[in-house]
Amino acid sequence: MILAPALQRHFQQLLSMSAPQARIEVLSGLTVALALVPEAVAFAFVAGVDPLVGLYAAFMVGLITSVMGGRPGMISGATGALAVVMVSLVAEHGVQYLFATVVLMGIIQIGFGTLRWGKFIRLVPQPVMMGFVNGLAIVIFLAQLEQFQIATPTGEEWLSGPALYTMLALVALAMAIIWLLPRFTKAVPAPLVAIVGVWAVVQLLGIDTRNVGDMASIEGGFPAFAIPTVPLTLETLEIILPYAIILAGIGLIESLLTLNLIDEITETQGRNSRECIAQGCANVVTGFFGGMGGCAMIGQSMINISSGARHRLSGIIAALALLSFILFGSALIEQIPLAALTGVMFMVVIGTFAWRTFQVMRRVPRSDAFLIVVVTGVTVIADLAIAVVVGIILASLVHSWRVSRLVSARTWRSEDDRVKTYHLNGPVMFASTDKFKELFTPKTDPDRVIADFTDSRVWDMSGVDALKSVAQRYVREGKTLEFHGLSPDCARRLGDYTDLVVRDEAHDPKYELAVDRDNPPGAPAAH
């Protein structure tokens, strides 16, 4: 019932869409569907499951998130970031445990969205976001290099000779079409023309090159509902819960960061919490229909957005087209040259990588440049979730260090040397409390001291505790300390030291501290 009004609005938007935009949405969806096939198959191999498990996930996750997600135009499906986590679970316990884990993963994501925690992704600093984008672009590029390898009895070997030159020529042809076509017309998505064009050249000239069918057959039936056949015991929960938490976290981080990236490109605002719920619902359904789960895919999303798609229709078409490939069109789709899809993804890499990074890094502080490099590197070497967590921790430490150096004080004494005034500047908060306390010298100060906060702010309870600590030092010395320029909220939270505050209703600031609403005035700070 909650989703009914939203679904009704989506349906009305589809009916009111102009014919040119509808054509773009449909063609872009078809392009995305073609690009999804080798990705889904490859990620299924990474996870150690049947290719159809990856294809079913791409269909179901893509369809559900397109219908009810918080970011029109964003494409979701099976991803490598999740597959690398799943592989050990599948190897040790089997695919049924994977399906159960995906269901639990979805439930966790729904809870995350219901609590509206998705908004916290907007706290990710810009250097971390830039590193994430660049890292994913490199990861997409490296993933395409697998198409230049062939399986041999002794392992994987790189293409060489005529096979390599043919592959490179076809990739270059696809990239050239994508680069040149928009200069003449945007009526048809350039990636779709590139795929069809390379396929036509291969067919007409009888070129021998690897195609989608060389990876695996994509022929299958409609996904069937089945409850995962795992024991409903505490032991099973102990096995799948750690994996479910990790997968839920990785999936949401990648989805929400991709959402933010598309927001910037389209200059629109997505809905984070709705996207979390949609991702969760999609994974719950996928787990019951034999899919490996998924999240947002930055590569396919960039194909969709760069083709001009801005609505939900493109994602819906992509999912339904993928299902039709599985049910009816496998023989045709398996003939598509991998070189065409590789060329499309190479152009995605070029469009995704933030090339302005090299200019930005010369202008920003060294700490920000270091953050960009670290997050990019960790994304490539480890995975997205670790990179973002590392980036946020480093950014927080850098910010705290900067803030700790901002607090300062100008001091002067009265003509009779009986009163000393500390005129504070900068924020008094958890990161600057030590520096703040060092500014005061109770032992050598006169009997009366004024701490003027007119040009300073107390941000949190750590700052309030710092004020209390300074007041205690003056009390022990038997001296009088007065606080001027504090907000009423800050004054109330000083507890036993509230009487030290000298009020000036006309000029005192009215800000509130950044504390939990449940933390009452005067309550001790939580450390």
Protein backbone atom coordinates (compact mmCIF):
# COMPACT_ATOMS: atom_id res chain seq x y z
CA MET A 1 0.00 0.00 0.00
CA ILE A 2 2.89 2.35 0.77
CA LEU A 3 4.31 1.92 -2.74
CA ALA A 4 0.96 2.30 -4.51
CA PRO A 5 1.06 6.14 -4.82
CA ALA A 6 4.67 6.03 -6.05
CA LEU A 7 3.88 3.34 -8.64
CA GLN A 8 0.88 5.34 -9.80
CA ARG A 9 3.09 8.42 -10.31
CA HIS A 10 5.61 6.34 -12.25
CA PHE A 11 2.86 5.01 -14.51
CA GLN A 12 1.56 8.52 -15.15
CA GLN A 13 5.07 9.71 -16.03
CA LEU A 14 5.42 6.88 -18.54
CA LEU A 15 2.14 7.86 -20.19
CA SER A 16 3.14 11.52 -20.36
CA MET A 17 6.62 10.87 -21.78
CA SER A 18 7.27 12.39 -25.19
CA ALA A 19 7.80 10.07 -28.15
CA PRO A 20 11.45 11.12 -28.75
CA GLN A 21 12.34 10.56 -25.10
CA ALA A 22 10.51 7.22 -25.06
CA ARG A 23 12.53 6.12 -28.10
CA ILE A 24 15.75 7.07 -26.34
CA GLU A 25 14.69 5.17 -23.21
CA VAL A 26 13.85 2.02 -25.15
CA LEU A 27 17.00 2.02 -27.27
CA SER A 28 19.18 2.84 -24.28
CA GLY A 29 17.59 -0.01 -22.34
CA LEU A 30 18.37 -2.43 -25.19
CA THR A 31 21.98 -1.24 -25.22
CA VAL A 32 22.30 -1.75 -21.49
CA ALA A 33 20.77 -5.23 -21.75
CA LEU A 34 23.38 -6.26 -24.33
CA ALA A 35 26.17 -4.94 -22.11
CA LEU A 36 24.72 -6.74 -19.09
CA VAL A 37 25.03 -10.21 -20.60
CA PRO A 38 28.83 -10.72 -20.50
CA GLU A 39 29.11 -8.85 -17.19
CA ALA A 40 26.51 -11.06 -15.49
CA VAL A 41 28.09 -14.22 -16.89
CA ALA A 42 31.58 -13.15 -15.85
CA PHE A 43 30.50 -12.27 -12.31
CA ALA A 44 28.68 -15.59 -12.00
CA PHE A 45 31.95 -17.34 -12.86
CA VAL A 46 33.74 -15.24 -10.24
CA ALA A 47 31.21 -16.28 -7.60
CA GLY A 48 31.46 -19.92 -8.66
CA VAL A 49 27.84 -20.33 -9.76
CA ASP A 50 26.02 -21.12 -13.00
CA PRO A 51 25.84 -18.22 -15.51
CA LEU A 52 22.04 -18.22 -15.29
CA VAL A 53 22.31 -17.38 -11.59
CA GLY A 54 24.04 -14.15 -12.57
CA LEU A 55 21.65 -13.45 -15.44
CA TYR A 56 18.57 -14.01 -13.26
CA ALA A 57 20.01 -11.62 -10.69
CA ALA A 58 20.62 -8.96 -13.34
CA PHE A 59 17.03 -9.33 -14.55
CA MET A 60 15.27 -9.29 -11.18
CA VAL A 61 17.44 -6.72 -9.39
CA GLY A 62 17.41 -4.49 -12.45
CA LEU A 63 13.63 -4.66 -12.86
CA ILE A 64 12.67 -4.12 -9.21
CA THR A 65 15.11 -1.25 -8.58
CA SER A 66 14.05 0.43 -11.82
CA VAL A 67 10.40 0.30 -10.79
CA MET A 68 10.66 1.32 -7.14
CA GLY A 69 14.18 2.70 -6.64
CA GLY A 70 15.19 6.21 -5.73
CA ARG A 71 17.24 7.04 -8.83
CA PRO A 72 15.59 6.90 -12.28
CA GLY A 73 18.12 5.93 -14.92
CA MET A 74 20.39 3.95 -12.60
CA ILE A 75 21.02 0.32 -13.58
CA SER A 76 21.45 -2.47 -11.05
CA GLY A 77 22.44 -6.10 -11.44
CA ALA A 78 25.04 -8.69 -10.49
CA THR A 79 28.37 -7.00 -9.71
CA GLY A 80 31.96 -8.03 -9.21
CA ALA A 81 32.21 -6.29 -5.83
CA LEU A 82 29.62 -8.71 -4.45
CA ALA A 83 30.84 -11.74 -6.41
CA VAL A 84 34.30 -11.71 -4.83
CA VAL A 85 32.69 -11.94 -1.38
CA MET A 86 30.32 -14.73 -2.42
CA VAL A 87 32.95 -17.07 -3.84
CA SER A 88 34.17 -18.44 -0.49
CA LEU A 89 30.60 -18.97 0.76
CA VAL A 90 29.67 -20.93 -2.36
CA ALA A 91 32.89 -22.96 -2.26
CA GLU A 92 32.45 -23.96 1.39
CA HIS A 93 28.67 -24.36 1.72
CA GLY A 94 27.07 -24.44 -1.75
CA VAL A 95 24.76 -22.25 -3.79
CA GLN A 96 21.69 -22.75 -1.58
CA TYR A 97 23.47 -20.99 1.28
CA LEU A 98 24.19 -18.17 -1.16
CA PHE A 99 20.48 -17.78 -1.91
CA ALA A 100 19.66 -17.70 1.81
CA THR A 101 22.40 -15.12 2.35
CA VAL A 102 21.04 -12.92 -0.43
CA VAL A 103 17.58 -12.98 1.20
CA LEU A 104 19.05 -11.96 4.56
CA MET A 105 21.18 -9.34 2.82
CA GLY A 106 18.03 -7.82 1.35
CA ILE A 107 16.27 -7.76 4.73
CA ILE A 108 19.22 -5.86 6.22
CA GLN A 109 19.14 -3.35 3.38
CA ILE A 110 15.39 -2.81 3.82
CA GLY A 111 15.99 -2.11 7.52
CA PHE A 112 18.76 0.34 6.62
CA GLY A 113 16.43 2.21 4.26
CA THR A 114 13.48 2.14 6.66
CA LEU A 115 15.64 3.83 9.30
CA ARG A 116 16.56 6.43 6.66
CA TRP A 117 20.28 5.89 7.14
CA GLY A 118 20.92 6.27 3.43
CA LYS A 119 21.24 10.04 3.91
CA PHE A 120 24.59 9.54 5.64
CA ILE A 121 26.21 8.66 2.32
CA ARG A 122 26.12 12.37 1.51
CA LEU A 123 28.70 12.86 4.26
CA VAL A 124 31.30 11.16 2.06
CA PRO A 125 33.95 13.85 1.35
CA GLN A 126 34.56 14.95 -2.22
CA PRO A 127 38.14 13.58 -2.37
CA VAL A 128 36.79 10.16 -1.33
CA MET A 129 34.06 10.40 -3.97
CA MET A 130 36.62 11.32 -6.64
CA GLY A 131 38.86 8.44 -5.60
CA PHE A 132 35.88 6.06 -5.71
CA VAL A 133 34.97 7.11 -9.26
CA ASN A 134 38.53 6.84 -10.50
CA GLY A 135 39.06 3.51 -8.77
CA LEU A 136 35.93 2.01 -10.29
CA ALA A 137 36.92 3.28 -13.73
CA ILE A 138 40.25 1.46 -13.38
CA VAL A 139 38.50 -1.67 -12.11
CA ILE A 140 36.15 -1.64 -15.12
CA PHE A 141 39.15 -1.23 -17.42
CA LEU A 142 41.06 -4.10 -15.83
CA ALA A 143 37.98 -6.33 -16.01
CA GLN A 144 37.82 -5.84 -19.79
CA LEU A 145 41.37 -7.12 -20.19
CA GLU A 146 40.02 -10.61 -19.50
CA GLN A 147 38.49 -10.50 -22.98
CA PHE A 148 42.05 -10.49 -24.37
CA GLN A 149 42.77 -13.86 -22.75
CA ILE A 150 41.88 -17.37 -23.82
CA ALA A 151 41.67 -20.57 -21.83
CA THR A 152 44.33 -23.20 -22.54
CA PRO A 153 45.11 -26.57 -20.92
CA THR A 154 47.83 -24.84 -18.90
CA GLY A 155 45.71 -21.86 -17.87
CA GLU A 156 44.84 -18.42 -19.23
CA GLU A 157 47.02 -16.99 -22.00
CA TRP A 158 46.99 -13.59 -23.69
CA LEU A 159 45.87 -13.32 -27.28
CA SER A 160 48.67 -12.88 -29.77
CA GLY A 161 49.23 -12.58 -33.47
CA PRO A 162 46.23 -12.20 -35.82
CA ALA A 163 43.71 -12.95 -33.05
CA LEU A 164 45.02 -10.04 -30.96
CA TYR A 165 45.16 -7.65 -33.93
CA THR A 166 41.60 -8.57 -34.94
CA MET A 167 40.35 -8.02 -31.39
CA LEU A 168 42.08 -4.64 -31.13
CA ALA A 169 40.76 -3.52 -34.52
CA LEU A 170 37.17 -4.38 -33.63
CA VAL A 171 37.47 -2.70 -30.22
CA ALA A 172 38.85 0.41 -31.93
CA LEU A 173 35.97 0.33 -34.44
CA ALA A 174 33.40 0.21 -31.63
CA MET A 175 35.09 3.07 -29.78
CA ALA A 176 35.32 5.15 -32.97
CA ILE A 177 31.59 4.73 -33.65
CA ILE A 178 30.71 5.78 -30.09
CA TRP A 179 32.98 8.82 -30.38
CA LEU A 180 31.95 9.97 -33.84
CA LEU A 181 28.22 9.18 -34.07
CA PRO A 182 26.99 11.79 -31.54
CA ARG A 183 28.59 14.48 -33.71
CA PHE A 184 26.09 13.65 -36.45
CA THR A 185 23.00 12.43 -34.61
CA LYS A 186 21.80 11.52 -31.14
CA ALA A 187 18.59 9.90 -32.29
CA VAL A 188 20.04 6.44 -31.58
CA PRO A 189 22.39 5.60 -28.68
CA ALA A 190 25.92 5.39 -30.02
CA PRO A 191 26.81 2.26 -27.98
CA LEU A 192 23.92 0.36 -29.57
CA VAL A 193 25.04 1.39 -33.06
CA ALA A 194 28.58 0.32 -32.17
CA ILE A 195 27.46 -3.15 -31.03
CA VAL A 196 25.28 -3.69 -34.09
CA GLY A 197 27.91 -2.23 -36.40
CA VAL A 198 30.74 -4.44 -35.16
CA TRP A 199 28.46 -7.49 -35.30
CA ALA A 200 27.55 -6.65 -38.91
CA VAL A 201 31.21 -6.25 -39.92
CA VAL A 202 32.09 -9.58 -38.35
CA GLN A 203 29.20 -11.33 -40.09
CA LEU A 204 29.77 -9.75 -43.49
CA LEU A 205 33.52 -10.34 -43.57
CA GLY A 206 33.38 -13.71 -41.84
CA ILE A 207 35.85 -12.61 -39.18
CA ASP A 208 36.79 -15.26 -36.64
CA THR A 209 36.66 -13.62 -33.22
CA ARG A 210 35.41 -14.48 -29.77
CA ASN A 211 31.73 -13.86 -29.05
CA VAL A 212 29.36 -14.02 -26.08
CA GLY A 213 28.63 -17.69 -26.74
CA ASP A 214 32.30 -18.52 -26.15
CA MET A 215 31.85 -17.49 -22.52
CA ALA A 216 28.77 -19.62 -21.81
CA SER A 217 25.29 -20.39 -23.07
CA ILE A 218 22.69 -17.92 -21.84
CA GLU A 219 19.70 -20.05 -22.80
CA GLY A 220 17.31 -20.78 -19.95
CA GLY A 221 13.76 -20.68 -18.68
CA PHE A 222 11.82 -18.28 -16.50
CA PRO A 223 13.29 -18.10 -12.97
CA ALA A 224 11.29 -20.35 -10.61
CA PHE A 225 10.36 -19.59 -7.02
CA ALA A 226 12.04 -21.83 -4.45
CA ILE A 227 12.81 -21.47 -0.77
CA PRO A 228 16.56 -22.00 -0.23
CA THR A 229 17.10 -25.56 0.97
CA VAL A 230 19.18 -24.86 4.06
CA PRO A 231 18.57 -26.01 7.64
CA LEU A 232 16.59 -23.44 9.60
CA THR A 233 18.99 -23.52 12.52
CA LEU A 234 21.13 -21.14 14.53
CA GLU A 235 24.20 -22.69 12.92
CA THR A 236 22.94 -21.68 9.48
CA LEU A 237 22.40 -18.11 10.71
CA GLU A 238 25.94 -18.04 12.10
CA ILE A 239 27.23 -19.02 8.66
CA ILE A 240 25.24 -16.62 6.51
CA LEU A 241 24.92 -13.57 8.79
CA PRO A 242 28.54 -12.31 8.45
CA TYR A 243 28.35 -12.66 4.67
CA ALA A 244 24.92 -10.98 4.57
CA ILE A 245 26.16 -7.97 6.56
CA ILE A 246 29.23 -7.54 4.34
CA LEU A 247 27.22 -7.94 1.13
CA ALA A 248 24.53 -5.54 2.34
CA GLY A 249 27.14 -2.93 3.21
CA ILE A 250 29.04 -3.25 -0.06
CA GLY A 251 25.84 -3.22 -2.08
CA LEU A 252 24.48 -0.09 -0.41
CA ILE A 253 27.77 1.78 -0.54
CA GLU A 254 28.23 1.08 -4.25
CA SER A 255 24.57 1.85 -5.00
CA LEU A 256 24.43 5.11 -3.06
CA LEU A 257 27.75 6.40 -4.37
CA THR A 258 26.62 5.61 -7.91
CA LEU A 259 23.37 7.43 -7.15
CA ASN A 260 25.33 10.47 -5.99
CA LEU A 261 27.46 10.39 -9.13
CA ILE A 262 24.38 10.32 -11.39
CA ASP A 263 22.87 13.14 -9.30
CA GLU A 264 25.91 15.27 -10.14
CA ILE A 265 25.82 14.39 -13.83
CA THR A 266 22.08 14.99 -14.27
CA GLU A 267 21.86 17.85 -11.72
CA THR A 268 18.90 16.16 -10.07
CA GLN A 269 18.30 14.66 -6.64
CA GLY A 270 17.83 10.95 -6.02
CA ARG A 271 16.22 9.46 -2.91
CA ASN A 272 18.74 7.50 -0.92
CA SER A 273 16.47 5.77 1.57
CA ARG A 274 14.06 4.65 -1.15
CA GLU A 275 16.97 3.22 -3.10
CA CYS A 276 18.10 1.26 -0.02
CA ILE A 277 14.62 -0.24 0.35
CA ALA A 278 14.41 -1.02 -3.37
CA GLN A 279 17.81 -2.73 -3.34
CA GLY A 280 16.72 -4.75 -0.30
CA CYS A 281 13.42 -5.82 -1.85
CA ALA A 282 15.20 -6.77 -5.07
CA ASN A 283 17.69 -8.97 -3.24
CA VAL A 284 15.00 -10.66 -1.14
CA VAL A 285 13.09 -11.56 -4.31
CA THR A 286 16.29 -12.60 -6.11
CA GLY A 287 17.25 -14.97 -3.33
CA PHE A 288 13.91 -16.78 -3.64
CA PHE A 289 14.20 -17.01 -7.45
CA GLY A 290 17.70 -18.42 -7.78
CA GLY A 291 19.70 -15.21 -8.32
CA MET A 292 23.02 -14.22 -6.82
CA GLY A 293 21.88 -10.76 -5.70
CA GLY A 294 23.21 -7.44 -6.86
CA CYS A 295 23.48 -3.69 -6.53
CA ALA A 296 23.97 -0.62 -8.73
CA MET A 297 26.37 -1.00 -11.66
CA ILE A 298 28.31 2.15 -12.42
CA GLY A 299 29.41 0.99 -15.88
CA GLN A 300 25.94 0.14 -17.18
CA SER A 301 24.49 3.19 -15.42
CA MET A 302 26.95 5.41 -17.25
CA ILE A 303 26.03 3.77 -20.57
CA ASN A 304 22.38 4.49 -19.83
CA ILE A 305 22.88 8.10 -18.75
CA SER A 306 25.31 8.91 -21.57
CA SER A 307 22.75 7.54 -24.06
CA GLY A 308 20.26 10.15 -22.86
CA ALA A 309 18.06 8.02 -20.58
CA ARG A 310 16.65 9.88 -17.59
CA HIS A 311 13.59 7.84 -16.62
CA ARG A 312 12.67 4.45 -15.20
CA LEU A 313 11.60 3.10 -18.56
CA SER A 314 15.17 2.44 -19.69
CA GLY A 315 15.93 0.23 -16.69
CA ILE A 316 12.64 -1.64 -17.10
CA ILE A 317 13.34 -2.23 -20.79
CA ALA A 318 16.88 -3.41 -20.00
CA ALA A 319 15.60 -5.98 -17.50
CA LEU A 320 12.80 -7.25 -19.73
CA ALA A 321 15.11 -7.39 -22.75
CA LEU A 322 17.61 -9.41 -20.74
CA LEU A 323 14.88 -11.88 -19.79
CA SER A 324 13.81 -12.16 -23.44
CA PHE A 325 17.42 -12.90 -24.38
CA ILE A 326 17.42 -15.78 -21.89
CA LEU A 327 14.05 -17.15 -23.00
CA PHE A 328 14.02 -16.57 -26.75
CA GLY A 329 17.09 -14.81 -28.14
CA SER A 330 20.08 -16.68 -26.77
CA ALA A 331 21.21 -17.95 -30.19
CA LEU A 332 21.33 -14.41 -31.59
CA ILE A 333 22.86 -12.72 -28.54
CA GLU A 334 25.59 -15.35 -28.28
CA GLN A 335 26.83 -14.22 -31.72
CA ILE A 336 27.66 -10.69 -30.50
CA PRO A 337 31.44 -10.15 -30.64
CA LEU A 338 33.03 -9.57 -27.25
CA ALA A 339 35.16 -6.91 -28.92
CA ALA A 340 32.06 -4.75 -29.45
CA LEU A 341 31.09 -4.92 -25.78
CA THR A 342 34.70 -4.37 -24.71
CA GLY A 343 34.84 -1.23 -26.84
CA VAL A 344 31.65 0.05 -25.22
CA MET A 345 33.07 -0.52 -21.74
CA PHE A 346 36.38 1.14 -22.66
CA MET A 347 34.40 4.25 -23.61
CA VAL A 348 32.60 3.99 -20.28
CA VAL A 349 35.99 4.00 -18.57
CA ILE A 350 37.01 7.14 -20.45
CA GLY A 351 33.73 8.84 -19.56
CA THR A 352 33.75 7.71 -15.92
CA PHE A 353 37.30 8.57 -14.93
CA ALA A 354 37.49 12.07 -13.46
CA TRP A 355 40.24 13.44 -15.68
CA ARG A 356 40.10 16.76 -13.88
CA THR A 357 41.69 14.92 -10.94
CA PHE A 358 45.14 15.74 -12.28
CA GLN A 359 44.34 19.46 -12.25
CA VAL A 360 42.53 19.31 -8.92
CA MET A 361 45.42 17.54 -7.19
CA ARG A 362 47.73 20.46 -7.98
CA ARG A 363 45.35 22.96 -6.36
CA VAL A 364 43.94 21.16 -3.31
CA PRO A 365 45.80 20.59 -0.03
CA ARG A 366 48.22 17.68 -0.02
CA SER A 367 46.00 15.80 2.41
CA ASP A 368 43.10 15.87 -0.06
CA ALA A 369 45.35 14.77 -2.91
CA PHE A 370 46.62 11.94 -0.71
CA LEU A 371 43.01 10.90 0.01
CA ILE A 372 42.20 10.71 -3.70
CA VAL A 373 45.22 8.51 -4.40
CA VAL A 374 44.61 6.22 -1.39
CA VAL A 375 40.91 5.66 -2.14
CA THR A 376 41.66 5.03 -5.81
CA GLY A 377 44.37 2.53 -4.95
CA VAL A 378 42.38 0.68 -2.29
CA THR A 379 39.37 0.44 -4.63
CA VAL A 380 41.57 -1.26 -7.23
CA ILE A 381 43.58 -3.46 -4.87
CA ALA A 382 40.89 -4.41 -2.32
CA ASP A 383 37.26 -3.44 -2.85
CA LEU A 384 34.93 -0.48 -2.81
CA ALA A 385 33.63 -0.85 0.75
CA ILE A 386 37.10 -0.97 2.28
CA ALA A 387 38.19 1.99 0.14
CA VAL A 388 35.28 4.17 1.23
CA VAL A 389 35.69 3.25 4.91
CA VAL A 390 39.42 3.93 4.76
CA GLY A 391 38.78 7.21 2.95
CA ILE A 392 36.18 8.41 5.45
CA ILE A 393 38.43 7.53 8.41
CA LEU A 394 41.39 9.34 6.88
CA ALA A 395 39.24 12.32 5.93
CA SER A 396 37.88 12.51 9.48
CA LEU A 397 41.38 12.41 10.93
CA VAL A 398 42.57 15.11 8.54
CA HIS A 399 39.54 17.28 9.32
CA SER A 400 40.02 16.81 13.06
CA TRP A 401 43.68 17.77 12.77
CA ARG A 402 42.79 20.90 10.83
CA VAL A 403 40.06 21.89 13.28
CA SER A 404 42.34 21.34 16.27
CA ARG A 405 44.67 24.00 14.90
CA LEU A 406 41.94 26.59 14.34
CA VAL A 407 41.09 27.43 17.96
CA SER A 408 43.12 30.35 19.33
CA ALA A 409 42.85 33.25 21.74
CA ARG A 410 43.95 36.88 21.96
CA THR A 411 44.60 38.01 25.52
CA TRP A 412 44.96 41.32 27.28
CA ARG A 413 44.94 42.63 30.83
CA SER A 414 43.19 45.61 32.33
CA GLU A 415 45.20 48.71 33.17
CA ASP A 416 45.33 47.79 36.84
CA ASP A 417 46.40 44.23 35.90
CA ARG A 418 43.55 42.75 37.94
CA VAL A 419 41.48 41.37 35.03
CA LYS A 420 42.63 39.21 32.12
CA THR A 421 40.47 38.64 29.03
CA TYR A 422 40.72 35.65 26.66
CA HIS A 423 39.04 36.47 23.32
CA LEU A 424 38.48 33.05 21.72
CA ASN A 425 38.44 32.30 18.00
CA GLY A 426 37.55 29.06 16.23
CA PRO A 427 35.45 26.01 17.10
CA VAL A 428 35.59 24.32 20.50
CA MET A 429 34.80 20.67 19.81
CA PHE A 430 36.09 17.15 20.33
CA ALA A 431 39.05 17.71 18.01
CA SER A 432 40.21 20.98 19.54
CA THR A 433 39.60 20.51 23.28
CA ASP A 434 43.26 19.84 24.13
CA LYS A 435 44.43 22.94 22.26
CA PHE A 436 41.62 24.94 23.90
CA LYS A 437 42.65 23.92 27.42
CA GLU A 438 46.29 24.79 26.72
CA LEU A 439 45.31 28.40 25.98
CA PHE A 440 44.51 29.09 29.66
CA THR A 441 47.09 29.63 32.44
CA PRO A 442 45.18 29.66 35.76
CA LYS A 443 48.31 29.65 37.95
CA THR A 444 49.69 32.92 36.56
CA ASP A 445 46.41 34.67 35.73
CA PRO A 446 44.95 37.42 37.95
CA ASP A 447 42.04 36.76 40.31
CA ARG A 448 39.41 37.64 37.71
CA VAL A 449 39.40 36.11 34.22
CA ILE A 450 36.96 36.62 31.31
CA ALA A 451 36.58 34.04 28.56
CA ASP A 452 34.88 35.81 25.64
CA PHE A 453 33.26 33.46 23.06
CA THR A 454 31.84 36.20 20.82
CA ASP A 455 33.95 34.98 17.88
CA SER A 456 33.95 31.32 18.85
CA ARG A 457 31.42 28.50 19.01
CA VAL A 458 31.08 25.48 21.26
CA TRP A 459 30.00 22.67 18.95
CA ASP A 460 29.43 19.59 21.08
CA MET A 461 29.45 18.06 24.55
CA SER A 462 33.21 17.52 24.33
CA GLY A 463 33.50 21.30 24.00
CA VAL A 464 31.22 21.79 27.01
CA ASP A 465 33.36 19.36 29.01
CA ALA A 466 36.43 21.41 28.04
CA LEU A 467 34.77 24.53 29.45
CA LYS A 468 34.00 22.65 32.68
CA SER A 469 37.59 21.46 32.91
CA VAL A 470 38.96 25.00 32.55
CA ALA A 471 36.46 26.26 35.13
CA GLN A 472 37.56 23.59 37.62
CA ARG A 473 41.18 24.67 37.27
CA TYR A 474 40.31 28.28 38.14
CA VAL A 475 38.12 27.19 41.05
CA ARG A 476 41.02 25.18 42.49
CA GLU A 477 43.18 28.29 42.27
CA GLY A 478 40.52 30.29 44.10
CA LYS A 479 40.00 32.62 41.11
CA THR A 480 36.89 33.91 39.35
CA LEU A 481 36.17 32.85 35.76
CA GLU A 482 33.40 34.40 33.64
CA PHE A 483 32.05 33.02 30.37
CA HIS A 484 30.81 35.68 27.94
CA GLY A 485 29.14 35.16 24.55
CA LEU A 486 27.82 31.62 25.07
CA SER A 487 24.52 30.44 23.63
CA PRO A 488 21.66 29.62 26.05
CA ASP A 489 21.87 25.95 25.07
CA CYS A 490 25.58 25.82 25.87
CA ALA A 491 25.07 27.67 29.14
CA ARG A 492 22.38 25.24 30.30
CA ARG A 493 24.64 22.26 29.63
CA LEU A 494 27.39 23.57 31.90
CA GLY A 495 25.55 22.11 34.89
CA ASP A 496 27.19 23.30 38.14
CA TYR A 497 29.12 25.96 36.26
CA THR A 498 26.10 27.67 34.68
CA ASP A 499 26.40 30.52 37.21
CA LEU A 500 29.76 31.45 35.64
CA VAL A 501 27.97 32.54 32.44
CA VAL A 502 27.42 36.28 32.10
CA ARG A 503 24.32 36.74 29.93
CA ASP A 504 23.74 39.47 27.35
CA GLU A 505 20.34 38.72 25.81
CA ALA A 506 20.73 41.32 23.07
CA HIS A 507 24.05 40.04 21.73
CA ASP A 508 24.50 36.42 22.81
CA PRO A 509 24.29 33.87 19.93
CA LYS A 510 21.35 31.46 19.74
CA TYR A 511 22.98 28.33 18.24
CA GLU A 512 22.43 24.82 19.61
CA LEU A 513 25.03 22.15 20.25
CA ALA A 514 25.41 19.15 17.96
CA VAL A 515 24.20 16.55 20.46
CA ASP A 516 21.67 13.75 20.61
CA ARG A 517 18.15 15.01 21.26
CA ASP A 518 17.91 12.47 24.09
CA ASN A 519 20.93 14.00 25.85
CA PRO A 520 19.43 16.47 28.35
CA PRO A 521 21.05 19.78 29.28
CA GLY A 522 23.66 19.31 31.98
CA ALA A 523 24.04 15.58 31.31
CA PRO A 524 27.59 14.23 31.14
CA ALA A 525 29.10 13.77 27.72
CA ALA A 526 29.39 10.24 26.38
CA HIS A 527 32.97 9.22 25.60
